[in-house]
Amino acid sequence: MSGVWVFNNGVIRLVENPNQSEGVATQTNGRRYVLVYLPTGEAVSSHSSLEQILRSLGWERYFSGDSDLIQYHKRSSIDLISLPRDFSKFNSVYMYDIVVKNPNSFHVRDFK
């Protein structure tokens, strides 16, 4: 586990990646990654922008009982994309899952 312990109003909690930029995943090795939508070259920086792109690719929001996840499915396949509701926890594992299921639309790049 890595991060910073924060003490606030008598409660202590671990904050992972406290300096993480929106949409940029920092791995334990210190490398930073960003999910890029290839047709526009746009870096995905929020759930709303990602959802808009996924909808245009035929993905639909799938409502499950898990409140910590946002999920998408495609009627034409059995694939399911599961993402953390908290976008600050969006890391390269989720990015590569999206790339594998949409290989011609997304790419993961080093963030510079």
PDB file of N, CA and C in Angstrom:
ATOM      1  N   MET A   1       0.838  -1.172   0.000  1.00  0.00           N
ATOM      2  CA  MET A   1       0.000   0.000   0.000  1.00  0.00           C
ATOM      3  C   MET A   1       0.884   1.236   0.000  1.00  0.00           C
ATOM      4  N   SER A   2       0.541   2.196  -0.853  1.00  0.00           N
ATOM      5  CA  SER A   2       1.289   3.440  -0.860  1.00  0.00           C
ATOM      6  C   SER A   2       0.320   4.602  -0.810  1.00  0.00           C
ATOM      7  N   GLY A   3       0.802   5.720  -0.362  1.00  0.00           N
ATOM      8  CA  GLY A   3      -0.035   6.894  -0.281  1.00  0.00           C
ATOM      9  C   GLY A   3       0.373   7.747   0.899  1.00  0.00           C
ATOM     10  N   VAL A   4      -0.520   8.607   1.313  1.00  0.00           N
ATOM     11  CA  VAL A   4      -0.268   9.521   2.422  1.00  0.00           C
ATOM     12  C   VAL A   4      -1.394   9.368   3.431  1.00  0.00           C
ATOM     13  N   TRP A   5      -1.011   9.250   4.706  1.00  0.00           N
ATOM     14  CA  TRP A   5      -2.024   9.191   5.756  1.00  0.00           C
ATOM     15  C   TRP A   5      -2.460  10.614   6.077  1.00  0.00           C
ATOM     16  N   VAL A   6      -3.769  10.856   6.075  1.00  0.00           N
ATOM     17  CA  VAL A   6      -4.320  12.179   6.325  1.00  0.00           C
ATOM     18  C   VAL A   6      -5.180  12.114   7.587  1.00  0.00           C
ATOM     19  N   PHE A   7      -4.935  13.046   8.513  1.00  0.00           N
ATOM     20  CA  PHE A   7      -5.716  13.147   9.740  1.00  0.00           C
ATOM     21  C   PHE A   7      -6.622  14.353   9.604  1.00  0.00           C
ATOM     22  N   ASN A   8      -7.958  14.123   9.651  1.00  0.00           N
ATOM     23  CA  ASN A   8      -8.914  15.205   9.449  1.00  0.00           C
ATOM     24  C   ASN A   8     -10.115  14.993  10.354  1.00  0.00           C
ATOM     25  N   ASN A   9     -10.436  15.956  11.201  1.00  0.00           N
ATOM     26  CA  ASN A   9     -11.593  15.891  12.110  1.00  0.00           C
ATOM     27  C   ASN A   9     -11.604  14.620  12.952  1.00  0.00           C
ATOM     28  N   GLY A  10     -10.460  14.245  13.449  1.00  0.00           N
ATOM     29  CA  GLY A  10     -10.371  13.082  14.323  1.00  0.00           C
ATOM     30  C   GLY A  10     -10.373  11.745  13.602  1.00  0.00           C
ATOM     31  N   VAL A  11     -10.342  11.753  12.277  1.00  0.00           N
ATOM     32  CA  VAL A  11     -10.344  10.523  11.492  1.00  0.00           C
ATOM     33  C   VAL A  11      -9.072  10.459  10.665  1.00  0.00           C
ATOM     34  N   ILE A  12      -8.422   9.299  10.680  1.00  0.00           N
ATOM     35  CA  ILE A  12      -7.227   9.116   9.874  1.00  0.00           C
ATOM     36  C   ILE A  12      -7.561   8.162   8.727  1.00  0.00           C
ATOM     37  N   ARG A  13      -7.104   8.504   7.522  1.00  0.00           N
ATOM     38  CA  ARG A  13      -7.361   7.647   6.371  1.00  0.00           C
ATOM     39  C   ARG A  13      -6.174   7.710   5.427  1.00  0.00           C
ATOM     40  N   LEU A  14      -6.033   6.667   4.607  1.00  0.00           N
ATOM     41  CA  LEU A  14      -4.961   6.604   3.624  1.00  0.00           C
ATOM     42  C   LEU A  14      -5.452   7.182   2.311  1.00  0.00           C
ATOM     43  N   VAL A  15      -4.738   8.171   1.788  1.00  0.00           N
ATOM     44  CA  VAL A  15      -5.057   8.769   0.502  1.00  0.00           C
ATOM     45  C   VAL A  15      -4.007   8.278  -0.487  1.00  0.00           C
ATOM     46  N   GLU A  16      -4.447   7.463  -1.461  1.00  0.00           N
ATOM     47  CA  GLU A  16      -3.524   6.955  -2.458  1.00  0.00           C
ATOM     48  C   GLU A  16      -3.354   7.986  -3.559  1.00  0.00           C
ATOM     49  N   ASN A  17      -2.132   8.139  -4.049  1.00  0.00           N
ATOM     50  CA  ASN A  17      -1.805   9.065  -5.131  1.00  0.00           C
ATOM     51  C   ASN A  17      -2.356  10.470  -4.874  1.00  0.00           C
ATOM     52  N   PRO A  18      -1.948  11.123  -3.799  1.00  0.00           N
ATOM     53  CA  PRO A  18      -2.531  12.423  -3.458  1.00  0.00           C
ATOM     54  C   PRO A  18      -2.270  13.511  -4.495  1.00  0.00           C
ATOM     55  N   ASN A  19      -1.230  13.396  -5.294  1.00  0.00           N
ATOM     56  CA  ASN A  19      -0.911  14.424  -6.290  1.00  0.00           C
ATOM     57  C   ASN A  19      -1.267  13.994  -7.692  1.00  0.00           C
ATOM     58  N   GLN A  20      -2.121  12.982  -7.820  1.00  0.00           N
ATOM     59  CA  GLN A  20      -2.467  12.446  -9.134  1.00  0.00           C
ATOM     60  C   GLN A  20      -3.298  13.442  -9.929  1.00  0.00           C
ATOM     61  N   SER A  21      -2.932  13.629 -11.182  1.00  0.00           N
ATOM     62  CA  SER A  21      -3.684  14.505 -12.071  1.00  0.00           C
ATOM     63  C   SER A  21      -4.923  13.782 -12.547  1.00  0.00           C
ATOM     64  N   GLU A  22      -5.944  14.535 -12.959  1.00  0.00           N
ATOM     65  CA  GLU A  22      -7.172  13.948 -13.485  1.00  0.00           C
ATOM     66  C   GLU A  22      -6.867  13.056 -14.672  1.00  0.00           C
ATOM     67  N   GLY A  23      -7.306  11.809 -14.605  1.00  0.00           N
ATOM     68  CA  GLY A  23      -7.177  10.909 -15.736  1.00  0.00           C
ATOM     69  C   GLY A  23      -5.794  10.339 -15.927  1.00  0.00           C
ATOM     70  N   VAL A  24      -4.867  10.645 -15.030  1.00  0.00           N
ATOM     71  CA  VAL A  24      -3.511  10.133 -15.148  1.00  0.00           C
ATOM     72  C   VAL A  24      -3.292   9.128 -14.039  1.00  0.00           C
ATOM     73  N   ALA A  25      -2.928   7.900 -14.415  1.00  0.00           N
ATOM     74  CA  ALA A  25      -2.694   6.853 -13.439  1.00  0.00           C
ATOM     75  C   ALA A  25      -1.216   6.785 -13.102  1.00  0.00           C
ATOM     76  N   THR A  26      -0.877   6.798 -11.821  1.00  0.00           N
ATOM     77  CA  THR A  26       0.504   6.645 -11.389  1.00  0.00           C
ATOM     78  C   THR A  26       0.650   5.249 -10.813  1.00  0.00           C
ATOM     79  N   GLN A  27       1.552   4.475 -11.381  1.00  0.00           N
ATOM     80  CA  GLN A  27       1.778   3.108 -10.932  1.00  0.00           C
ATOM     81  C   GLN A  27       2.787   3.098  -9.798  1.00  0.00           C
ATOM     82  N   THR A  28       2.950   1.949  -9.145  1.00  0.00           N
ATOM     83  CA  THR A  28       3.880   1.835  -8.026  1.00  0.00           C
ATOM     84  C   THR A  28       5.323   2.069  -8.454  1.00  0.00           C
ATOM     85  N   ASN A  29       5.622   1.849  -9.738  1.00  0.00           N
ATOM     86  CA  ASN A  29       6.984   2.084 -10.218  1.00  0.00           C
ATOM     87  C   ASN A  29       7.215   3.554 -10.564  1.00  0.00           C
ATOM     88  N   GLY A  30       6.228   4.416 -10.322  1.00  0.00           N
ATOM     89  CA  GLY A  30       6.353   5.840 -10.566  1.00  0.00           C
ATOM     90  C   GLY A  30       5.988   6.279 -11.973  1.00  0.00           C
ATOM     91  N   ARG A  31       5.777   5.331 -12.879  1.00  0.00           N
ATOM     92  CA  ARG A  31       5.395   5.708 -14.242  1.00  0.00           C
ATOM     93  C   ARG A  31       3.951   6.158 -14.241  1.00  0.00           C
ATOM     94  N   ARG A  32       3.672   7.112 -15.126  1.00  0.00           N
ATOM     95  CA  ARG A  32       2.316   7.652 -15.211  1.00  0.00           C
ATOM     96  C   ARG A  32       1.770   7.390 -16.600  1.00  0.00           C
ATOM     97  N   TYR A  33       0.476   7.026 -16.646  1.00  0.00           N
ATOM     98  CA  TYR A  33      -0.166   6.658 -17.892  1.00  0.00           C
ATOM     99  C   TYR A  33      -1.449   7.441 -18.092  1.00  0.00           C
ATOM    100  N   VAL A  34      -1.837   7.569 -19.360  1.00  0.00           N
ATOM    101  CA  VAL A  34      -3.083   8.243 -19.695  1.00  0.00           C
ATOM    102  C   VAL A  34      -3.772   7.436 -20.795  1.00  0.00           C
ATOM    103  N   LEU A  35      -5.105   7.363 -20.742  1.00  0.00           N
ATOM    104  CA  LEU A  35      -5.900   6.693 -21.764  1.00  0.00           C
ATOM    105  C   LEU A  35      -6.235   7.715 -22.842  1.00  0.00           C
ATOM    106  N   VAL A  36      -5.904   7.384 -24.097  1.00  0.00           N
ATOM    107  CA  VAL A  36      -6.108   8.310 -25.207  1.00  0.00           C
ATOM    108  C   VAL A  36      -7.121   7.730 -26.181  1.00  0.00           C
ATOM    109  N   TYR A  37      -8.108   8.546 -26.570  1.00  0.00           N
ATOM    110  CA  TYR A  37      -9.081   8.177 -27.592  1.00  0.00           C
ATOM    111  C   TYR A  37      -8.439   8.503 -28.938  1.00  0.00           C
ATOM    112  N   LEU A  38      -8.124   7.471 -29.717  1.00  0.00           N
ATOM    113  CA  LEU A  38      -7.331   7.631 -30.938  1.00  0.00           C
ATOM    114  C   LEU A  38      -7.945   8.521 -32.018  1.00  0.00           C
ATOM    115  N   PRO A  39      -9.237   8.412 -32.332  1.00  0.00           N
ATOM    116  CA  PRO A  39      -9.772   9.248 -33.417  1.00  0.00           C
ATOM    117  C   PRO A  39      -9.587  10.754 -33.207  1.00  0.00           C
ATOM    118  N   THR A  40      -9.601  11.198 -31.948  1.00  0.00           N
ATOM    119  CA  THR A  40      -9.455  12.638 -31.685  1.00  0.00           C
ATOM    120  C   THR A  40      -8.121  12.986 -31.025  1.00  0.00           C
ATOM    121  N   GLY A  41      -7.408  11.987 -30.523  1.00  0.00           N
ATOM    122  CA  GLY A  41      -6.168  12.245 -29.798  1.00  0.00           C
ATOM    123  C   GLY A  41      -6.401  12.800 -28.411  1.00  0.00           C
ATOM    124  N   GLU A  42      -7.652  12.763 -27.968  1.00  0.00           N
ATOM    125  CA  GLU A  42      -8.062  13.323 -26.676  1.00  0.00           C
ATOM    126  C   GLU A  42      -7.714  12.372 -25.532  1.00  0.00           C
ATOM    127  N   ALA A  43      -7.134  12.923 -24.461  1.00  0.00           N
ATOM    128  CA  ALA A  43      -6.880  12.148 -23.252  1.00  0.00           C
ATOM    129  C   ALA A  43      -8.165  12.099 -22.439  1.00  0.00           C
ATOM    130  N   VAL A  44      -8.537  10.926 -21.991  1.00  0.00           N
ATOM    131  CA  VAL A  44      -9.756  10.759 -21.200  1.00  0.00           C
ATOM    132  C   VAL A  44      -9.472  11.275 -19.792  1.00  0.00           C
ATOM    133  N   SER A  45     -10.273  12.243 -19.341  1.00  0.00           N
ATOM    134  CA  SER A  45      -9.996  12.885 -18.058  1.00  0.00           C
ATOM    135  C   SER A  45     -11.133  12.781 -17.051  1.00  0.00           C
ATOM    136  N   SER A  46     -12.237  12.130 -17.433  1.00  0.00           N
ATOM    137  CA  SER A  46     -13.349  12.008 -16.494  1.00  0.00           C
ATOM    138  C   SER A  46     -14.270  10.875 -16.927  1.00  0.00           C
ATOM    139  N   HIS A  47     -15.121  10.454 -16.001  1.00  0.00           N
ATOM    140  CA  HIS A  47     -16.103   9.422 -16.338  1.00  0.00           C
ATOM    141  C   HIS A  47     -17.071   9.916 -17.404  1.00  0.00           C
ATOM    142  N   SER A  48     -17.449  11.182 -17.336  1.00  0.00           N
ATOM    143  CA  SER A  48     -18.433  11.682 -18.300  1.00  0.00           C
ATOM    144  C   SER A  48     -17.872  11.680 -19.723  1.00  0.00           C
ATOM    145  N   SER A  49     -16.613  12.076 -19.888  1.00  0.00           N
ATOM    146  CA  SER A  49     -16.039  12.050 -21.245  1.00  0.00           C
ATOM    147  C   SER A  49     -15.850  10.618 -21.724  1.00  0.00           C
ATOM    148  N   LEU A  50     -15.452   9.715 -20.825  1.00  0.00           N
ATOM    149  CA  LEU A  50     -15.293   8.312 -21.201  1.00  0.00           C
ATOM    150  C   LEU A  50     -16.637   7.690 -21.556  1.00  0.00           C
ATOM    151  N   GLU A  51     -17.664   7.991 -20.775  1.00  0.00           N
ATOM    152  CA  GLU A  51     -18.994   7.435 -21.058  1.00  0.00           C
ATOM    153  C   GLU A  51     -19.502   7.911 -22.420  1.00  0.00           C
ATOM    154  N   GLN A  52     -19.287   9.156 -22.747  1.00  0.00           N
ATOM    155  CA  GLN A  52     -19.718   9.694 -24.040  1.00  0.00           C
ATOM    156  C   GLN A  52     -19.031   8.933 -25.185  1.00  0.00           C
ATOM    157  N   ILE A  53     -17.749   8.674 -25.045  1.00  0.00           N
ATOM    158  CA  ILE A  53     -17.005   7.945 -26.077  1.00  0.00           C
ATOM    159  C   ILE A  53     -17.484   6.501 -26.162  1.00  0.00           C
ATOM    160  N   LEU A  54     -17.634   5.846 -25.004  1.00  0.00           N
ATOM    161  CA  LEU A  54     -18.074   4.452 -25.005  1.00  0.00           C
ATOM    162  C   LEU A  54     -19.471   4.303 -25.609  1.00  0.00           C
ATOM    163  N   ARG A  55     -20.360   5.232 -25.307  1.00  0.00           N
ATOM    164  CA  ARG A  55     -21.706   5.182 -25.898  1.00  0.00           C
ATOM    165  C   ARG A  55     -21.646   5.278 -27.416  1.00  0.00           C
ATOM    166  N   SER A  56     -20.756   6.124 -27.931  1.00  0.00           N
ATOM    167  CA  SER A  56     -20.631   6.254 -29.387  1.00  0.00           C
ATOM    168  C   SER A  56     -20.082   4.984 -30.028  1.00  0.00           C
ATOM    169  N   LEU A  57     -19.419   4.158 -29.220  1.00  0.00           N
ATOM    170  CA  LEU A  57     -18.871   2.896 -29.713  1.00  0.00           C
ATOM    171  C   LEU A  57     -19.818   1.716 -29.484  1.00  0.00           C
ATOM    172  N   GLY A  58     -21.031   1.990 -28.982  1.00  0.00           N
ATOM    173  CA  GLY A  58     -22.023   0.940 -28.790  1.00  0.00           C
ATOM    174  C   GLY A  58     -22.104   0.350 -27.398  1.00  0.00           C
ATOM    175  N   TRP A  59     -21.360   0.896 -26.455  1.00  0.00           N
ATOM    176  CA  TRP A  59     -21.414   0.420 -25.076  1.00  0.00           C
ATOM    177  C   TRP A  59     -22.582   1.091 -24.361  1.00  0.00           C
ATOM    178  N   GLU A  60     -23.230   0.340 -23.482  1.00  0.00           N
ATOM    179  CA  GLU A  60     -24.349   0.855 -22.687  1.00  0.00           C
ATOM    180  C   GLU A  60     -24.021   0.717 -21.212  1.00  0.00           C
ATOM    181  N   ARG A  61     -24.547   1.639 -20.435  1.00  0.00           N
ATOM    182  CA  ARG A  61     -24.363   1.578 -18.990  1.00  0.00           C
ATOM    183  C   ARG A  61     -25.093   0.356 -18.456  1.00  0.00           C
ATOM    184  N   TYR A  62     -24.432  -0.418 -17.618  1.00  0.00           N
ATOM    185  CA  TYR A  62     -25.002  -1.615 -17.016  1.00  0.00           C
ATOM    186  C   TYR A  62     -25.134  -1.346 -15.530  1.00  0.00           C
ATOM    187  N   PHE A  63     -26.346  -1.415 -15.028  1.00  0.00           N
ATOM    188  CA  PHE A  63     -26.570  -1.099 -13.617  1.00  0.00           C
ATOM    189  C   PHE A  63     -26.554  -2.378 -12.797  1.00  0.00           C
ATOM    190  N   SER A  64     -25.548  -2.471 -11.945  1.00  0.00           N
ATOM    191  CA  SER A  64     -25.431  -3.624 -11.068  1.00  0.00           C
ATOM    192  C   SER A  64     -25.669  -3.179  -9.631  1.00  0.00           C
ATOM    193  N   GLY A  65     -25.629  -4.091  -8.735  1.00  0.00           N
ATOM    194  CA  GLY A  65     -25.853  -3.776  -7.333  1.00  0.00           C
ATOM    195  C   GLY A  65     -24.628  -3.218  -6.629  1.00  0.00           C
ATOM    196  N   ASP A  66     -23.493  -3.169  -7.309  1.00  0.00           N
ATOM    197  CA  ASP A  66     -22.259  -2.701  -6.688  1.00  0.00           C
ATOM    198  C   ASP A  66     -22.143  -1.188  -6.834  1.00  0.00           C
ATOM    199  N   SER A  67     -22.205  -0.482  -5.717  1.00  0.00           N
ATOM    200  CA  SER A  67     -22.177   0.983  -5.766  1.00  0.00           C
ATOM    201  C   SER A  67     -20.773   1.538  -5.981  1.00  0.00           C
ATOM    202  N   ASP A  68     -19.733   0.704  -5.877  1.00  0.00           N
ATOM    203  CA  ASP A  68     -18.369   1.171  -6.065  1.00  0.00           C
ATOM    204  C   ASP A  68     -17.912   1.094  -7.519  1.00  0.00           C
ATOM    205  N   LEU A  69     -18.747   0.490  -8.382  1.00  0.00           N
ATOM    206  CA  LEU A  69     -18.364   0.290  -9.775  1.00  0.00           C
ATOM    207  C   LEU A  69     -19.326   0.952 -10.746  1.00  0.00           C
ATOM    208  N   ILE A  70     -18.770   1.384 -11.868  1.00  0.00           N
ATOM    209  CA  ILE A  70     -19.570   1.783 -13.022  1.00  0.00           C
ATOM    210  C   ILE A  70     -19.263   0.743 -14.086  1.00  0.00           C
ATOM    211  N   GLN A  71     -20.301   0.156 -14.669  1.00  0.00           N
ATOM    212  CA  GLN A  71     -20.090  -0.912 -15.639  1.00  0.00           C
ATOM    213  C   GLN A  71     -20.769  -0.588 -16.961  1.00  0.00           C
ATOM    214  N   TYR A  72     -20.150  -1.103 -18.042  1.00  0.00           N
ATOM    215  CA  TYR A  72     -20.671  -0.943 -19.392  1.00  0.00           C
ATOM    216  C   TYR A  72     -20.674  -2.297 -20.073  1.00  0.00           C
ATOM    217  N   HIS A  73     -21.678  -2.539 -20.918  1.00  0.00           N
ATOM    218  CA  HIS A  73     -21.717  -3.769 -21.704  1.00  0.00           C
ATOM    219  C   HIS A  73     -22.132  -3.443 -23.120  1.00  0.00           C
ATOM    220  N   LYS A  74     -21.836  -4.370 -24.012  1.00  0.00           N
ATOM    221  CA  LYS A  74     -22.195  -4.236 -25.413  1.00  0.00           C
ATOM    222  C   LYS A  74     -23.162  -5.355 -25.734  1.00  0.00           C
ATOM    223  N   ARG A  75     -24.285  -5.024 -26.342  1.00  0.00           N
ATOM    224  CA  ARG A  75     -25.277  -6.046 -26.672  1.00  0.00           C
ATOM    225  C   ARG A  75     -24.735  -7.089 -27.635  1.00  0.00           C
ATOM    226  N   SER A  76     -23.792  -6.687 -28.485  1.00  0.00           N
ATOM    227  CA  SER A  76     -23.267  -7.590 -29.501  1.00  0.00           C
ATOM    228  C   SER A  76     -22.161  -8.514 -28.985  1.00  0.00           C
ATOM    229  N   SER A  77     -21.824  -8.429 -27.690  1.00  0.00           N
ATOM    230  CA  SER A  77     -20.770  -9.290 -27.140  1.00  0.00           C
ATOM    231  C   SER A  77     -21.072  -9.641 -25.694  1.00  0.00           C
ATOM    232  N   ILE A  78     -20.220 -10.458 -25.128  1.00  0.00           N
ATOM    233  CA  ILE A  78     -20.377 -10.814 -23.712  1.00  0.00           C
ATOM    234  C   ILE A  78     -19.446  -9.975 -22.830  1.00  0.00           C
ATOM    235  N   ASP A  79     -18.744  -9.021 -23.440  1.00  0.00           N
ATOM    236  CA  ASP A  79     -17.784  -8.202 -22.700  1.00  0.00           C
ATOM    237  C   ASP A  79     -18.473  -7.263 -21.719  1.00  0.00           C
ATOM    238  N   LEU A  80     -17.771  -7.011 -20.628  1.00  0.00           N
ATOM    239  CA  LEU A  80     -18.226  -6.085 -19.603  1.00  0.00           C
ATOM    240  C   LEU A  80     -17.018  -5.267 -19.161  1.00  0.00           C
ATOM    241  N   ILE A  81     -17.180  -3.970 -19.128  1.00  0.00           N
ATOM    242  CA  ILE A  81     -16.130  -3.085 -18.626  1.00  0.00           C
ATOM    243  C   ILE A  81     -16.556  -2.614 -17.243  1.00  0.00           C
ATOM    244  N   SER A  82     -15.718  -2.847 -16.249  1.00  0.00           N
ATOM    245  CA  SER A  82     -15.989  -2.405 -14.884  1.00  0.00           C
ATOM    246  C   SER A  82     -14.946  -1.382 -14.482  1.00  0.00           C
ATOM    247  N   LEU A  83     -15.410  -0.231 -14.008  1.00  0.00           N
ATOM    248  CA  LEU A  83     -14.527   0.863 -13.633  1.00  0.00           C
ATOM    249  C   LEU A  83     -14.864   1.334 -12.224  1.00  0.00           C
ATOM    250  N   PRO A  84     -13.873   1.829 -11.485  1.00  0.00           N
ATOM    251  CA  PRO A  84     -14.174   2.362 -10.156  1.00  0.00           C
ATOM    252  C   PRO A  84     -14.988   3.648 -10.281  1.00  0.00           C
ATOM    253  N   ARG A  85     -15.977   3.803  -9.424  1.00  0.00           N
ATOM    254  CA  ARG A  85     -16.796   5.010  -9.448  1.00  0.00           C
ATOM    255  C   ARG A  85     -15.946   6.250  -9.134  1.00  0.00           C
ATOM    256  N   ASP A  86     -14.963   6.073  -8.275  1.00  0.00           N
ATOM    257  CA  ASP A  86     -14.039   7.159  -7.927  1.00  0.00           C
ATOM    258  C   ASP A  86     -12.968   7.223  -9.022  1.00  0.00           C
ATOM    259  N   PHE A  87     -13.013   8.251  -9.863  1.00  0.00           N
ATOM    260  CA  PHE A  87     -12.117   8.341 -11.015  1.00  0.00           C
ATOM    261  C   PHE A  87     -10.655   8.456 -10.601  1.00  0.00           C
ATOM    262  N   SER A  88     -10.366   8.866  -9.382  1.00  0.00           N
ATOM    263  CA  SER A  88      -8.972   8.941  -8.926  1.00  0.00           C
ATOM    264  C   SER A  88      -8.362   7.550  -8.782  1.00  0.00           C
ATOM    265  N   LYS A  89      -9.189   6.513  -8.748  1.00  0.00           N
ATOM    266  CA  LYS A  89      -8.706   5.133  -8.666  1.00  0.00           C
ATOM    267  C   LYS A  89      -8.610   4.476 -10.039  1.00  0.00           C
ATOM    268  N   PHE A  90      -8.871   5.234 -11.084  1.00  0.00           N
ATOM    269  CA  PHE A  90      -8.787   4.757 -12.462  1.00  0.00           C
ATOM    270  C   PHE A  90      -7.310   4.591 -12.811  1.00  0.00           C
ATOM    271  N   ASN A  91      -6.839   3.338 -12.906  1.00  0.00           N
ATOM    272  CA  ASN A  91      -5.418   3.108 -13.152  1.00  0.00           C
ATOM    273  C   ASN A  91      -5.196   2.348 -14.454  1.00  0.00           C
ATOM    274  N   SER A  92      -3.950   1.980 -14.725  1.00  0.00           N
ATOM    275  CA  SER A  92      -3.607   1.372 -16.003  1.00  0.00           C
ATOM    276  C   SER A  92      -4.293   0.022 -16.222  1.00  0.00           C
ATOM    277  N   VAL A  93      -4.635  -0.690 -15.180  1.00  0.00           N
ATOM    278  CA  VAL A  93      -5.345  -1.972 -15.336  1.00  0.00           C
ATOM    279  C   VAL A  93      -6.694  -1.731 -16.015  1.00  0.00           C
ATOM    280  N   TYR A  94      -7.421  -0.718 -15.561  1.00  0.00           N
ATOM    281  CA  TYR A  94      -8.710  -0.380 -16.170  1.00  0.00           C
ATOM    282  C   TYR A  94      -8.510   0.156 -17.587  1.00  0.00           C
ATOM    283  N   MET A  95      -7.463   0.941 -17.766  1.00  0.00           N
ATOM    284  CA  MET A  95      -7.175   1.490 -19.093  1.00  0.00           C
ATOM    285  C   MET A  95      -6.926   0.377 -20.102  1.00  0.00           C
ATOM    286  N   TYR A  96      -6.093  -0.590 -19.725  1.00  0.00           N
ATOM    287  CA  TYR A  96      -5.789  -1.681 -20.650  1.00  0.00           C
ATOM    288  C   TYR A  96      -7.002  -2.567 -20.901  1.00  0.00           C
ATOM    289  N   ASP A  97      -7.889  -2.692 -19.933  1.00  0.00           N
ATOM    290  CA  ASP A  97      -9.133  -3.444 -20.145  1.00  0.00           C
ATOM    291  C   ASP A  97      -9.964  -2.780 -21.244  1.00  0.00           C
ATOM    292  N   ILE A  98     -10.025  -1.460 -21.208  1.00  0.00           N
ATOM    293  CA  ILE A  98     -10.759  -0.715 -22.233  1.00  0.00           C
ATOM    294  C   ILE A  98     -10.083  -0.875 -23.594  1.00  0.00           C
ATOM    295  N   VAL A  99      -8.755  -0.823 -23.619  1.00  0.00           N
ATOM    296  CA  VAL A  99      -8.010  -0.973 -24.871  1.00  0.00           C
ATOM    297  C   VAL A  99      -8.228  -2.352 -25.482  1.00  0.00           C
ATOM    298  N   VAL A 100      -8.182  -3.394 -24.672  1.00  0.00           N
ATOM    299  CA  VAL A 100      -8.363  -4.762 -25.176  1.00  0.00           C
ATOM    300  C   VAL A 100      -9.748  -4.939 -25.792  1.00  0.00           C
ATOM    301  N   LYS A 101     -10.743  -4.308 -25.207  1.00  0.00           N
ATOM    302  CA  LYS A 101     -12.114  -4.458 -25.690  1.00  0.00           C
ATOM    303  C   LYS A 101     -12.474  -3.454 -26.792  1.00  0.00           C
ATOM    304  N   ASN A 102     -11.603  -2.478 -27.031  1.00  0.00           N
ATOM    305  CA  ASN A 102     -11.787  -1.466 -28.086  1.00  0.00           C
ATOM    306  C   ASN A 102     -10.429  -1.166 -28.717  1.00  0.00           C
ATOM    307  N   PRO A 103      -9.798  -2.146 -29.351  1.00  0.00           N
ATOM    308  CA  PRO A 103      -8.399  -1.992 -29.776  1.00  0.00           C
ATOM    309  C   PRO A 103      -8.144  -0.905 -30.814  1.00  0.00           C
ATOM    310  N   ASN A 104      -9.113  -0.567 -31.628  1.00  0.00           N
ATOM    311  CA  ASN A 104      -8.894   0.452 -32.657  1.00  0.00           C
ATOM    312  C   ASN A 104      -9.295   1.850 -32.207  1.00  0.00           C
ATOM    313  N   SER A 105      -9.749   1.972 -30.976  1.00  0.00           N
ATOM    314  CA  SER A 105     -10.256   3.263 -30.506  1.00  0.00           C
ATOM    315  C   SER A 105      -9.452   3.884 -29.384  1.00  0.00           C
ATOM    316  N   PHE A 106      -8.747   3.069 -28.623  1.00  0.00           N
ATOM    317  CA  PHE A 106      -8.020   3.581 -27.456  1.00  0.00           C
ATOM    318  C   PHE A 106      -6.583   3.106 -27.444  1.00  0.00           C
ATOM    319  N   HIS A 107      -5.763   3.856 -26.718  1.00  0.00           N
ATOM    320  CA  HIS A 107      -4.356   3.511 -26.532  1.00  0.00           C
ATOM    321  C   HIS A 107      -3.932   4.056 -25.181  1.00  0.00           C
ATOM    322  N   VAL A 108      -3.050   3.343 -24.488  1.00  0.00           N
ATOM    323  CA  VAL A 108      -2.494   3.837 -23.236  1.00  0.00           C
ATOM    324  C   VAL A 108      -1.099   4.359 -23.538  1.00  0.00           C
ATOM    325  N   ARG A 109      -0.844   5.582 -23.096  1.00  0.00           N
ATOM    326  CA  ARG A 109       0.457   6.214 -23.355  1.00  0.00           C
ATOM    327  C   ARG A 109       1.075   6.690 -22.042  1.00  0.00           C
ATOM    328  N   ASP A 110       2.389   6.820 -22.071  1.00  0.00           N
ATOM    329  CA  ASP A 110       3.085   7.430 -20.946  1.00  0.00           C
ATOM    330  C   ASP A 110       2.677   8.890 -20.878  1.00  0.00           C
ATOM    331  N   PHE A 111       2.437   9.370 -19.673  1.00  0.00           N
ATOM    332  CA  PHE A 111       2.092  10.771 -19.460  1.00  0.00           C
ATOM    333  C   PHE A 111       3.368  11.547 -19.223  1.00  0.00           C
ATOM    334  N   LYS A 112       3.559  12.578 -19.973  1.00  0.00           N
ATOM    335  CA  LYS A 112       4.795  13.378 -19.826  1.00  0.00           C
ATOM    336  C   LYS A 112       4.486  14.768 -19.381  1.00  0.00           C
TER     337      LYS A 112
END
